[in-house]
Amino acid sequence: MADVPQTDEGWYVLHDFRTIDWDEWRATPEGDRQRAISEGVDYLSDHESVDEGASAVFSILGHKADLLILHLRPTLDEISQAERQFEQTALAGVTDQSTSYVSVTEVSGYVSDAYFEEDGEVDAGLKRYIEGKLEPEIPDDEYVSFYPMSKRRGEEHNWYDLSFDDRAELMSGHGETGKQYAGKIKQVISSSVGFDDHEWGVTLFAAEPTDIKDIVYEMRFDEATSKYGEFGSFYIGRRFPPQDLGAYLAGETVPTGDETSGHPHKAAHTHGDSNHGTHGESDTNHGEGHAHGDSHHGESTTDEDSVDDDPADEESIRGELADLDIYAGKPHGEDVYATVLYSEADREELFEEVDGLRKNFDHYDSHVKTAVYGATDGGRSAVVSIWETASAADTAAGFLSELPDIVERAGEESGFGTMGMFYTVKPDSREDFVDKFETVGGVLEETEGHIETDLMVNHEDENDMFIASQWNSQQDAMGFFGSDAFRDTVQWGRDVLADRPRHVFLA
C-alpha cells in the first residue's frame, strides 16, 4: 500500500448554484419583486459580513446556473444553516438549486512533514501559509471559475498506486507551471472526498477571464493532469456586490460600478495568497506570514504621513517622470509594491538569512523578487522585497524586520525619499554606469535639499542596482527630477540599461 499523506482540515465550503425561473420573475407583481430583492440583498449582505468565514455572490454564464452563492464557514452545521436560511427568503421562491458542491479546505503532508509531527517545529512563514489555506478569504478578483476534479484510478494510470515521492514530484512540477501566472490567478482548493461526487473542488479567481482559460489549458499538458486528472463540469461567472442584485435581475451589467453600491470586496488577504499551481491534493508551497514592521510601497507613504498627502503632488511626480519613460507609481500591468529595510549585519550572514526567507516567499504567486543589496561604499546593506500586492509586501516586512541588525532607514528624519528600482545594466556598460553615478553624485552634493544618495548593488548580480536618495522635502526632490542634469542622465542611461528604469517613491 502506498504511503497515505496526512491531512488537516479548515473551513467547510458550499458552492450553491441557482437557476432563476425568468418567466415566473417577469410575471411576479412589482411589490413581490421588490420584497424578493430586499430580502435577497439582506441575506447576501449579512452572510458576507460574518466574523468567521466568508460569502460572496456571483453571476454565472450559460445554461447550467444563473447565480452562485459561495459560503465558507468553520463548521458544516453553519454551512447547512446558511443554505437553509436562503430558502426562507422571497428570492428563493423564484430560484431552484440546479447543483451544489460540498467540500472542506485542506492541507496535506505535501506541505510539510514537520507540520504533522507531534514535536515538529513549524516556521512562522509555513504556519501563516497553512492558515491561509485552511481559512481563506474570497479574493478581490471578480471573475470566478469552479470545477470539481479527481485523480485517475485507471488500470494503466492510477494516482493512488504511485509512491509518495512520485506524487510529490508531480505536484511540484504542476506548481511550477502555475507560478507563471503569479499575480493573475488566486485559488481555493478544497477536499470533497466522502462529501461529494469528486475528490476536490477547485475555485479560481482572476481579474481577467482569459487568465483562467490560459492556466487551465496549460495545466492540461502537465503530467499530473494529462495522466491523472479527471474533471467535472466547469462554471464561469463574475462577482457582484449584494446591492447590485436588483440590477442583475433587471438584466443590467453587474457590477454596476456604482461606488455607492457597497462593493463587498475586501483588501487583499495577508495570508491567503495561495499558490495556484496545484490542482487537487493540497499544495506543496509555503511562505508568507503576518504583517508587521516597516514597509514602503510604490505610490505610498508611511502611515504617519499619509493623512497629509496631496494626490495632485503625486500625480505631478508621476507625470513628470512619465515624460522620461520612468516608472513612477503603478502603471497598468506593472503593479508592484516594495518593502525596503536596512541592516548593518555582515552581508554574507544577512544574505543567508534572507535566502532562507526567500525560499518560502518564492512559493507565493504575488512574490516578484527579494534580494540583498550593498552600498558601493561598503556601508549598510538593503533588503528589498518586491510583491504584486500591498498586503503581501506588508506581510513580508514582518519577517524581514526580524533579520539581524536592522537599523533605521538612512536619512529617516528627512521628508521625502526615492528609490530607483530595476536598474539592470548591460554587463559591458557597468563600469560606465558606476562612473556616471559618481558624476551625478557630485551634482547631488551641491543640490539644495539633498541629504544622501547611495548606489546599491545586488549581492548576487552586480548588474542589478538601485539608487536610494533622501531629501528634505518632496519639492527639493522634484527640483532635481525636473533639472537638465537629471534629464541628460536618463537619456544617457537608455544606451547602457538592459531595461527601462522604473521609479518608486518612498516617504
Protein backbone atom coordinates (compact mmCIF):
# COMPACT_ATOMS: atom_id res chain seq x y z
CA MET A 1 0.00 0.00 0.00
CA ALA A 2 1.34 3.43 -0.95
CA ASP A 3 2.03 5.98 1.79
CA VAL A 4 -1.07 7.98 2.69
CA PRO A 5 -0.38 11.72 3.15
CA GLN A 6 -1.67 13.14 6.41
CA THR A 7 -4.22 15.91 6.14
CA ASP A 8 -5.55 18.77 8.22
CA GLU A 9 -8.86 20.47 7.56
CA GLY A 10 -10.13 24.02 7.91
CA TRP A 11 -13.33 25.74 6.80
CA TYR A 12 -16.21 23.98 5.12
CA VAL A 13 -17.25 25.18 1.69
CA LEU A 14 -20.58 25.25 -0.13
CA HIS A 15 -20.94 26.19 -3.78
CA ASP A 16 -24.69 26.79 -4.05
CA PHE A 17 -25.65 27.11 -7.74
CA ARG A 18 -29.06 28.57 -8.51
CA THR A 19 -31.15 28.90 -11.64
CA ILE A 20 -33.80 31.61 -11.89
CA ASP A 21 -37.26 30.98 -13.33
CA TRP A 22 -37.23 34.05 -15.55
CA ASP A 23 -40.81 33.51 -16.77
CA GLU A 24 -42.01 33.47 -13.18
CA TRP A 25 -39.88 36.51 -12.36
CA ARG A 26 -41.40 38.53 -15.18
CA ALA A 27 -44.89 37.55 -14.05
CA THR A 28 -44.23 38.46 -10.42
CA PRO A 29 -46.03 41.64 -9.24
CA GLU A 30 -43.74 44.63 -8.67
CA GLY A 31 -44.30 44.65 -4.92
CA ASP A 32 -43.31 40.99 -4.64
CA ARG A 33 -40.27 41.65 -6.80
CA GLN A 34 -39.08 44.40 -4.50
CA ARG A 35 -39.58 42.15 -1.50
CA ALA A 36 -37.52 39.39 -3.15
CA ILE A 37 -34.75 41.86 -3.97
CA SER A 38 -34.78 43.38 -0.48
CA GLU A 39 -34.67 40.03 1.29
CA GLY A 40 -32.02 38.76 -1.12
CA VAL A 41 -29.80 41.79 -0.51
CA ASP A 42 -30.21 41.46 3.25
CA TYR A 43 -29.37 37.76 3.16
CA LEU A 44 -26.28 38.20 1.00
CA SER A 45 -25.03 41.24 2.92
CA ASP A 46 -25.50 39.59 6.30
CA HIS A 47 -23.65 36.46 5.23
CA GLU A 48 -20.76 38.42 3.72
CA SER A 49 -20.22 40.29 6.98
CA VAL A 50 -19.78 37.28 9.30
CA ASP A 51 -16.91 37.33 11.79
CA GLU A 52 -15.62 33.87 10.85
CA GLY A 53 -15.84 32.64 7.30
CA ALA A 54 -16.74 34.35 4.05
CA SER A 55 -19.54 34.53 1.50
CA ALA A 56 -19.99 36.02 -1.95
CA VAL A 57 -22.46 36.02 -4.83
CA PHE A 58 -21.56 35.61 -8.50
CA SER A 59 -23.48 35.84 -11.75
CA ILE A 60 -22.97 32.61 -13.74
CA LEU A 61 -22.99 32.39 -17.53
CA GLY A 62 -24.62 29.66 -19.58
CA HIS A 63 -27.47 27.23 -19.06
CA LYS A 64 -26.12 25.35 -16.03
CA ALA A 65 -26.82 28.11 -13.48
CA ASP A 66 -27.62 31.81 -13.10
CA LEU A 67 -26.20 32.50 -9.65
CA LEU A 68 -23.51 31.08 -7.41
CA ILE A 69 -23.69 31.75 -3.68
CA LEU A 70 -20.36 30.74 -2.18
CA HIS A 71 -20.03 30.12 1.57
CA LEU A 72 -17.02 29.25 3.74
CA ARG A 73 -17.66 28.53 7.43
CA PRO A 74 -15.86 26.94 10.40
CA THR A 75 -18.43 24.13 10.78
CA LEU A 76 -20.58 22.03 8.49
CA ASP A 77 -23.62 22.95 10.59
CA GLU A 78 -23.07 26.64 9.79
CA ILE A 79 -22.89 25.79 6.09
CA SER A 80 -26.15 23.88 6.39
CA GLN A 81 -27.77 26.79 8.20
CA ALA A 82 -26.64 29.29 5.56
CA GLU A 83 -28.09 27.10 2.82
CA ARG A 84 -31.43 26.72 4.58
CA GLN A 85 -31.67 30.38 5.57
CA PHE A 86 -31.62 31.31 1.90
CA GLU A 87 -34.69 29.13 1.38
CA GLN A 88 -36.56 31.36 3.85
CA THR A 89 -36.19 34.40 1.57
CA ALA A 90 -38.66 35.52 -1.07
CA LEU A 91 -35.80 35.39 -3.59
CA ALA A 92 -35.55 31.63 -3.13
CA GLY A 93 -39.11 31.35 -4.41
CA VAL A 94 -38.01 32.23 -7.95
CA THR A 95 -34.83 30.10 -7.91
CA ASP A 96 -34.00 26.41 -7.96
CA GLN A 97 -30.81 24.79 -6.75
CA SER A 98 -29.51 23.41 -10.05
CA THR A 99 -26.48 21.82 -8.40
CA SER A 100 -24.21 22.25 -5.41
CA TYR A 101 -20.82 21.18 -4.15
CA VAL A 102 -19.76 20.50 -0.56
CA SER A 103 -16.11 20.35 0.49
CA VAL A 104 -13.61 21.42 3.15
CA THR A 105 -10.33 23.29 2.83
CA GLU A 106 -7.34 21.05 3.37
CA VAL A 107 -3.56 20.87 3.66
CA SER A 108 -1.65 17.63 3.38
CA GLY A 109 1.74 16.09 4.03
CA TYR A 110 2.94 17.51 0.73
CA VAL A 111 3.19 20.85 2.52
CA SER A 112 5.49 19.85 5.37
CA ASP A 113 6.18 16.70 7.33
CA ALA A 114 7.07 18.82 10.36
CA TYR A 115 3.56 20.27 10.49
CA PHE A 116 2.12 16.83 11.19
CA GLU A 117 4.79 15.70 13.63
CA GLU A 118 3.85 15.94 17.30
CA ASP A 119 7.05 17.78 18.22
CA GLY A 120 7.71 19.22 14.78
CA GLU A 121 8.92 22.81 14.56
CA VAL A 122 6.99 24.84 12.02
CA ASP A 123 8.45 28.18 10.98
CA ALA A 124 6.25 31.26 11.10
CA GLY A 125 6.05 31.53 7.31
CA LEU A 126 4.77 27.99 6.89
CA LYS A 127 2.32 28.44 9.75
CA ARG A 128 0.86 31.55 8.14
CA TYR A 129 0.71 29.81 4.78
CA ILE A 130 -1.24 26.91 6.26
CA GLU A 131 -3.63 29.30 7.99
CA GLY A 132 -4.27 30.94 4.63
CA LYS A 133 -5.06 27.60 3.03
CA LEU A 134 -7.34 26.42 5.82
CA GLU A 135 -9.15 29.71 6.41
CA PRO A 136 -9.02 31.59 3.09
CA GLU A 137 -10.82 34.76 2.21
CA ILE A 138 -12.64 35.08 -1.07
CA PRO A 139 -10.22 37.11 -3.22
CA ASP A 140 -10.98 40.52 -4.62
CA ASP A 141 -10.67 39.33 -8.22
CA GLU A 142 -14.11 39.42 -9.73
CA TYR A 143 -14.17 36.53 -12.22
CA VAL A 144 -14.56 33.02 -10.89
CA SER A 145 -14.27 29.53 -12.33
CA PHE A 146 -15.31 26.46 -10.41
CA TYR A 147 -14.85 22.83 -11.32
CA PRO A 148 -14.61 19.56 -9.42
CA MET A 149 -11.83 17.09 -10.13
CA SER A 150 -10.45 13.74 -9.09
CA LYS A 151 -7.22 11.81 -9.51
CA ARG A 152 -7.47 8.95 -12.01
CA ARG A 153 -7.69 5.38 -10.76
CA GLY A 154 -7.43 3.55 -14.07
CA GLU A 155 -5.82 0.26 -14.96
CA GLU A 156 -2.91 1.99 -16.71
CA HIS A 157 -2.63 5.20 -14.70
CA ASN A 158 -3.58 5.07 -11.03
CA TRP A 159 -2.58 8.06 -8.91
CA TYR A 160 -3.06 6.13 -5.70
CA ASP A 161 -0.61 3.41 -6.71
CA LEU A 162 2.23 5.94 -7.01
CA SER A 163 4.71 6.38 -4.19
CA PHE A 164 4.52 9.49 -2.03
CA ASP A 165 7.74 10.82 -3.55
CA ASP A 166 6.47 10.35 -7.11
CA ARG A 167 3.22 12.13 -6.29
CA ALA A 168 5.07 14.96 -4.55
CA GLU A 169 7.37 15.39 -7.55
CA LEU A 170 4.43 15.58 -9.96
CA MET A 171 2.67 18.10 -7.76
CA SER A 172 5.82 20.20 -7.55
CA GLY A 173 6.12 20.30 -11.34
CA HIS A 174 2.46 21.21 -11.58
CA GLY A 175 3.08 24.10 -9.21
CA GLU A 176 5.97 25.39 -11.30
CA THR A 177 3.61 25.77 -14.24
CA GLY A 178 1.21 27.70 -12.06
CA LYS A 179 3.88 30.15 -10.92
CA GLN A 180 3.89 31.60 -14.43
CA TYR A 181 0.51 33.10 -13.53
CA ALA A 182 1.80 34.86 -10.44
CA GLY A 183 -0.38 37.82 -9.59
CA LYS A 184 -3.03 36.82 -12.13
CA ILE A 185 -4.75 33.82 -10.54
CA LYS A 186 -5.77 33.01 -6.97
CA GLN A 187 -7.36 29.78 -5.91
CA VAL A 188 -9.16 27.94 -3.17
CA ILE A 189 -8.62 24.18 -3.15
CA SER A 190 -11.00 22.12 -1.03
CA SER A 191 -11.30 18.39 -0.46
CA SER A 192 -14.60 16.65 -1.10
CA VAL A 193 -13.59 13.04 -0.50
CA GLY A 194 -16.63 11.47 1.13
CA PHE A 195 -18.56 14.74 0.79
CA ASP A 196 -19.41 14.93 -2.91
CA ASP A 197 -19.01 13.18 -6.26
CA HIS A 198 -15.40 14.20 -6.93
CA GLU A 199 -12.33 14.42 -4.73
CA TRP A 200 -11.59 18.16 -4.84
CA GLY A 201 -13.27 21.40 -5.70
CA VAL A 202 -11.11 23.98 -7.50
CA THR A 203 -12.18 27.63 -7.37
CA LEU A 204 -10.08 30.03 -9.45
CA PHE A 205 -10.28 33.81 -9.22
CA ALA A 206 -8.88 36.32 -11.71
CA ALA A 207 -9.26 39.91 -12.82
CA GLU A 208 -9.13 38.75 -16.47
CA PRO A 209 -11.24 35.73 -17.51
CA THR A 210 -8.76 34.70 -20.21
CA ASP A 211 -6.16 34.13 -17.50
CA ILE A 212 -8.42 31.39 -16.14
CA LYS A 213 -8.67 29.81 -19.57
CA ASP A 214 -4.92 30.03 -20.10
CA ILE A 215 -3.89 28.41 -16.83
CA VAL A 216 -6.38 25.55 -17.15
CA TYR A 217 -5.24 24.98 -20.74
CA GLU A 218 -1.55 24.97 -19.89
CA MET A 219 -2.07 22.74 -16.87
CA ARG A 220 -3.59 20.10 -19.16
CA PHE A 221 -0.11 19.42 -20.53
CA ASP A 222 1.41 18.70 -17.11
CA GLU A 223 1.82 15.00 -16.38
CA ALA A 224 -0.07 15.36 -13.11
CA THR A 225 -3.10 16.38 -15.18
CA SER A 226 -2.60 14.66 -18.54
CA LYS A 227 -2.22 11.23 -16.94
CA TYR A 228 -4.01 11.57 -13.65
CA GLY A 229 -6.58 14.37 -13.83
CA GLU A 230 -10.33 13.84 -14.26
CA PHE A 231 -12.73 16.79 -14.31
CA GLY A 232 -16.39 17.53 -13.83
CA SER A 233 -18.41 20.45 -15.21
CA PHE A 234 -16.92 23.95 -15.37
CA TYR A 235 -18.74 27.10 -14.28
CA ILE A 236 -17.66 30.66 -15.10
CA GLY A 237 -19.03 33.86 -13.61
CA ARG A 238 -18.35 37.22 -12.05
CA ARG A 239 -18.68 38.51 -8.52
CA PHE A 240 -21.02 41.39 -7.80
CA PRO A 241 -21.98 43.19 -4.57
CA PRO A 242 -25.28 42.26 -2.91
CA GLN A 243 -26.58 45.80 -3.54
CA ASP A 244 -26.43 45.07 -7.29
CA LEU A 245 -28.94 42.22 -7.03
CA GLY A 246 -31.77 44.38 -8.38
CA ALA A 247 -29.64 45.45 -11.34
CA TYR A 248 -28.74 41.83 -12.02
CA LEU A 249 -32.39 40.75 -12.04
CA ALA A 250 -33.22 43.70 -14.32
CA GLY A 251 -30.73 42.49 -16.92
CA GLU A 252 -28.21 45.26 -16.33
CA THR A 253 -24.43 44.90 -16.32
CA VAL A 254 -23.06 43.91 -12.93
CA PRO A 255 -21.09 45.01 -11.07
CA THR A 256 -22.73 48.32 -11.84
CA GLY A 257 -19.60 50.26 -10.95
CA ASP A 258 -21.65 52.47 -8.65
CA GLU A 259 -19.42 53.39 -5.71
CA THR A 260 -22.50 53.66 -3.51
CA SER A 261 -23.47 50.08 -4.19
CA GLY A 262 -21.21 48.95 -1.37
CA HIS A 263 -18.96 46.55 -3.20
CA PRO A 264 -18.06 43.94 -0.62
CA HIS A 265 -14.58 43.07 -1.82
CA LYS A 266 -12.10 43.24 0.97
CA ALA A 267 -8.49 44.29 0.89
CA ALA A 268 -6.09 41.59 -0.21
CA HIS A 269 -5.76 38.92 2.45
CA THR A 270 -2.42 38.97 4.22
CA HIS A 271 -2.11 35.22 4.32
CA GLY A 272 -4.35 33.92 1.60
CA ASP A 273 -2.25 34.50 -1.49
CA SER A 274 -2.17 30.80 -2.22
CA ASN A 275 -0.14 29.23 -4.95
CA HIS A 276 -2.50 28.44 -7.77
CA GLY A 277 -0.37 25.83 -9.40
CA THR A 278 -1.53 22.66 -7.67
CA HIS A 279 -4.87 21.32 -8.79
CA GLY A 280 -6.11 18.74 -6.35
CA GLU A 281 -4.16 17.24 -3.43
CA SER A 282 -3.23 20.03 -1.13
CA ASP A 283 -0.49 22.41 -2.17
CA THR A 284 3.21 21.93 -1.79
CA ASN A 285 4.23 25.52 -1.19
CA HIS A 286 4.53 27.89 1.72
CA GLY A 287 5.87 31.26 2.63
CA GLU A 288 4.02 34.39 3.70
CA GLY A 289 3.32 35.44 7.27
CA HIS A 290 1.58 38.13 9.24
CA ALA A 291 2.03 41.80 8.52
CA HIS A 292 4.14 44.00 10.73
CA GLY A 293 7.30 46.03 10.54
CA ASP A 294 8.27 48.98 8.39
CA SER A 295 7.49 48.82 4.70
CA HIS A 296 7.32 51.21 1.80
CA HIS A 297 5.10 50.69 -1.19
CA GLY A 298 5.19 52.10 -4.63
CA GLU A 299 2.93 55.16 -4.75
CA SER A 300 2.51 55.19 -0.98
CA THR A 301 3.71 56.84 2.20
CA THR A 302 4.18 55.92 5.82
CA ASP A 303 1.06 55.77 7.93
CA GLU A 304 2.02 58.94 9.78
CA ASP A 305 2.35 60.98 6.60
CA SER A 306 -0.48 59.58 4.53
CA VAL A 307 -3.15 61.81 6.03
CA ASP A 308 -1.42 64.90 4.67
CA ASP A 309 -0.62 63.55 1.21
CA ASP A 310 -1.72 65.64 -1.74
CA PRO A 311 -2.84 63.39 -4.63
CA ALA A 312 -2.15 66.24 -7.03
CA ASP A 313 1.51 66.28 -5.97
CA GLU A 314 1.75 62.54 -6.52
CA GLU A 315 0.25 62.86 -9.99
CA SER A 316 2.67 65.67 -10.75
CA ILE A 317 5.61 63.44 -9.88
CA ARG A 318 4.27 60.57 -11.94
CA GLY A 319 3.52 62.87 -14.85
CA GLU A 320 6.97 64.45 -14.99
CA LEU A 321 8.74 61.12 -14.84
CA ALA A 322 6.34 59.53 -17.32
CA ASP A 323 7.62 62.02 -19.88
CA LEU A 324 11.01 60.35 -19.43
CA ASP A 325 9.52 56.84 -19.62
CA ILE A 326 10.30 56.14 -15.96
CA TYR A 327 8.11 54.01 -13.71
CA ALA A 328 6.51 56.28 -11.12
CA GLY A 329 3.76 54.58 -9.21
CA LYS A 330 1.63 51.77 -10.60
CA PRO A 331 1.00 51.98 -14.34
CA HIS A 332 -1.25 49.34 -15.89
CA GLY A 333 0.38 45.94 -15.95
CA GLU A 334 3.25 46.87 -13.64
CA ASP A 335 1.73 46.93 -10.17
CA VAL A 336 4.48 46.28 -7.65
CA TYR A 337 4.99 47.11 -4.00
CA ALA A 338 8.44 47.37 -2.46
CA THR A 339 9.46 46.67 1.11
CA VAL A 340 12.91 48.05 1.93
CA LEU A 341 14.87 47.52 5.14
CA TYR A 342 18.47 48.38 6.02
CA SER A 343 20.85 46.25 8.07
CA GLU A 344 24.34 46.67 9.47
CA ALA A 345 24.88 42.91 9.75
CA ASP A 346 27.67 41.14 7.92
CA ARG A 347 26.49 40.95 4.33
CA GLU A 348 27.17 37.23 3.87
CA GLU A 349 25.36 36.36 7.09
CA LEU A 350 22.49 38.64 6.14
CA PHE A 351 22.25 37.01 2.72
CA GLU A 352 21.99 33.54 4.26
CA GLU A 353 19.11 34.70 6.45
CA VAL A 354 17.34 36.39 3.54
CA ASP A 355 17.84 33.40 1.26
CA GLY A 356 16.04 31.21 3.78
CA LEU A 357 13.06 33.55 3.82
CA ARG A 358 13.12 33.91 0.04
CA LYS A 359 12.71 30.18 -0.49
CA ASN A 360 9.41 30.48 1.35
CA PHE A 361 8.43 33.67 -0.45
CA ASP A 362 9.06 32.05 -3.84
CA HIS A 363 6.12 29.74 -3.29
CA TYR A 364 3.72 32.66 -3.41
CA ASP A 365 2.07 33.91 -6.58
CA SER A 366 2.46 37.53 -5.54
CA HIS A 367 6.21 37.36 -4.88
CA VAL A 368 8.29 39.10 -7.53
CA LYS A 369 11.75 39.36 -6.03
CA THR A 370 13.68 39.53 -2.76
CA ALA A 371 17.37 40.40 -2.75
CA VAL A 372 20.20 41.85 -0.68
CA TYR A 373 21.86 45.00 -1.99
CA GLY A 374 25.08 46.53 -0.71
CA ALA A 375 26.22 50.13 -0.91
CA THR A 376 29.22 50.60 -3.20
CA ASP A 377 31.00 52.47 -0.42
CA GLY A 378 30.86 49.36 1.77
CA GLY A 379 28.24 50.75 4.15
CA ARG A 380 25.00 49.21 5.25
CA SER A 381 23.05 46.65 3.24
CA ALA A 382 19.50 46.93 1.98
CA VAL A 383 16.98 44.11 1.78
CA VAL A 384 14.47 44.75 -1.00
CA SER A 385 11.36 42.62 -1.36
CA ILE A 386 9.00 43.28 -4.27
CA TRP A 387 5.44 41.95 -4.42
CA GLU A 388 2.36 42.13 -6.61
CA THR A 389 0.09 43.16 -3.72
CA ALA A 390 0.36 45.64 -0.87
CA SER A 391 -0.77 43.09 1.71
CA ALA A 392 1.90 40.63 0.62
CA ALA A 393 4.59 43.31 0.89
CA ASP A 394 3.35 44.18 4.39
CA THR A 395 3.41 40.51 5.30
CA ALA A 396 6.96 40.08 4.05
CA ALA A 397 8.02 43.14 6.03
CA GLY A 398 7.03 41.36 9.21
CA PHE A 399 9.55 38.61 8.64
CA LEU A 400 12.23 40.85 7.16
CA SER A 401 12.06 43.17 10.15
CA GLU A 402 13.30 40.29 12.30
CA LEU A 403 16.54 39.99 10.31
CA PRO A 404 19.75 40.73 12.27
CA ASP A 405 20.90 44.30 12.95
CA ILE A 406 18.03 46.05 11.21
CA VAL A 407 18.55 49.80 11.61
CA GLU A 408 16.64 52.97 10.91
CA ARG A 409 16.46 53.95 7.30
CA ALA A 410 19.23 56.30 6.19
CA GLY A 411 18.03 59.86 6.49
CA GLU A 412 14.74 58.82 8.03
CA GLU A 413 14.40 62.27 9.52
CA SER A 414 14.02 63.66 6.00
CA GLY A 415 10.64 64.37 4.49
CA PHE A 416 10.91 62.58 1.16
CA GLY A 417 12.76 59.60 -0.26
CA THR A 418 13.04 57.92 -3.62
CA MET A 419 14.22 54.52 -4.68
CA GLY A 420 15.06 53.78 -8.31
CA MET A 421 14.13 50.17 -8.98
CA PHE A 422 15.19 47.71 -11.69
CA TYR A 423 18.31 49.49 -12.90
CA THR A 424 19.55 46.49 -14.84
CA VAL A 425 22.77 47.49 -16.58
CA LYS A 426 24.24 45.85 -19.66
CA PRO A 427 27.34 43.95 -18.45
CA ASP A 428 29.69 45.77 -20.82
CA SER A 429 28.41 49.13 -19.57
CA ARG A 430 28.56 48.50 -15.83
CA GLU A 431 31.76 50.46 -15.24
CA ASP A 432 30.41 53.39 -17.24
CA PHE A 433 27.21 53.32 -15.19
CA VAL A 434 29.10 53.41 -11.89
CA ASP A 435 31.27 56.27 -13.16
CA LYS A 436 28.15 58.16 -14.23
CA PHE A 437 26.64 57.68 -10.79
CA GLU A 438 29.74 59.21 -9.21
CA THR A 439 29.40 62.19 -11.53
CA VAL A 440 25.72 62.63 -10.70
CA GLY A 441 26.56 62.14 -7.03
CA GLY A 442 28.82 65.14 -7.22
CA VAL A 443 25.98 67.21 -8.65
CA LEU A 444 23.64 65.97 -5.92
CA GLU A 445 26.03 67.02 -3.17
CA GLU A 446 25.59 70.59 -4.32
CA THR A 447 21.82 70.30 -4.82
CA GLU A 448 19.65 72.15 -2.32
CA GLY A 449 17.64 69.87 -0.06
CA HIS A 450 19.64 66.73 -0.86
CA ILE A 451 20.74 64.65 2.13
CA GLU A 452 22.17 61.37 0.93
CA THR A 453 22.27 59.11 -2.13
CA ASP A 454 23.64 55.57 -2.33
CA LEU A 455 24.19 53.23 -5.25
CA MET A 456 23.10 49.80 -4.02
CA VAL A 457 24.28 46.67 -5.87
CA ASN A 458 22.60 43.26 -5.81
CA HIS A 459 24.71 40.80 -3.81
CA GLU A 460 24.05 38.11 -6.43
CA ASP A 461 24.05 40.17 -9.63
CA GLU A 462 26.40 43.12 -9.96
CA ASN A 463 24.44 44.43 -12.94
CA ASP A 464 21.25 44.84 -10.88
CA MET A 465 21.24 48.08 -8.90
CA PHE A 466 19.02 50.69 -7.35
CA ILE A 467 19.67 54.24 -6.27
CA ALA A 468 18.33 55.34 -2.89
CA SER A 469 18.07 59.05 -2.14
CA GLN A 470 16.92 61.13 0.80
CA TRP A 471 15.67 64.71 0.55
CA ASN A 472 14.48 67.38 2.94
CA SER A 473 11.20 67.62 1.07
CA GLN A 474 9.29 66.43 -1.96
CA GLN A 475 9.77 69.88 -3.51
CA ASP A 476 13.55 69.52 -3.25
CA ALA A 477 13.44 66.11 -4.92
CA MET A 478 11.21 67.36 -7.71
CA GLY A 479 13.57 70.24 -8.30
CA PHE A 480 16.27 67.74 -9.21
CA PHE A 481 13.97 65.44 -11.20
CA GLY A 482 12.95 68.40 -13.31
CA SER A 483 16.53 69.52 -13.92
CA ASP A 484 18.51 69.28 -17.15
CA ALA A 485 21.15 67.23 -15.31
CA PHE A 486 18.64 64.54 -14.45
CA ARG A 487 17.09 64.55 -17.91
CA ASP A 488 20.51 64.23 -19.55
CA THR A 489 21.37 61.33 -17.24
CA VAL A 490 18.18 59.49 -18.16
CA GLN A 491 18.79 59.96 -21.86
CA TRP A 492 22.34 58.67 -21.45
CA GLY A 493 21.09 55.68 -19.50
CA ARG A 494 18.98 54.37 -22.36
CA ASP A 495 22.13 53.09 -24.06
CA VAL A 496 23.55 51.27 -21.04
CA LEU A 497 20.46 49.83 -19.34
CA ALA A 498 19.09 46.42 -20.31
CA ASP A 499 15.58 47.51 -19.32
CA ARG A 500 13.87 50.84 -18.85
CA PRO A 501 14.28 52.30 -15.35
CA ARG A 502 11.32 52.30 -13.00
CA HIS A 503 10.94 54.54 -10.00
CA VAL A 504 9.31 54.09 -6.61
CA PHE A 505 8.70 56.98 -4.21
CA LEU A 506 9.17 56.43 -0.51
CA ALA A 507 8.11 59.00 2.06
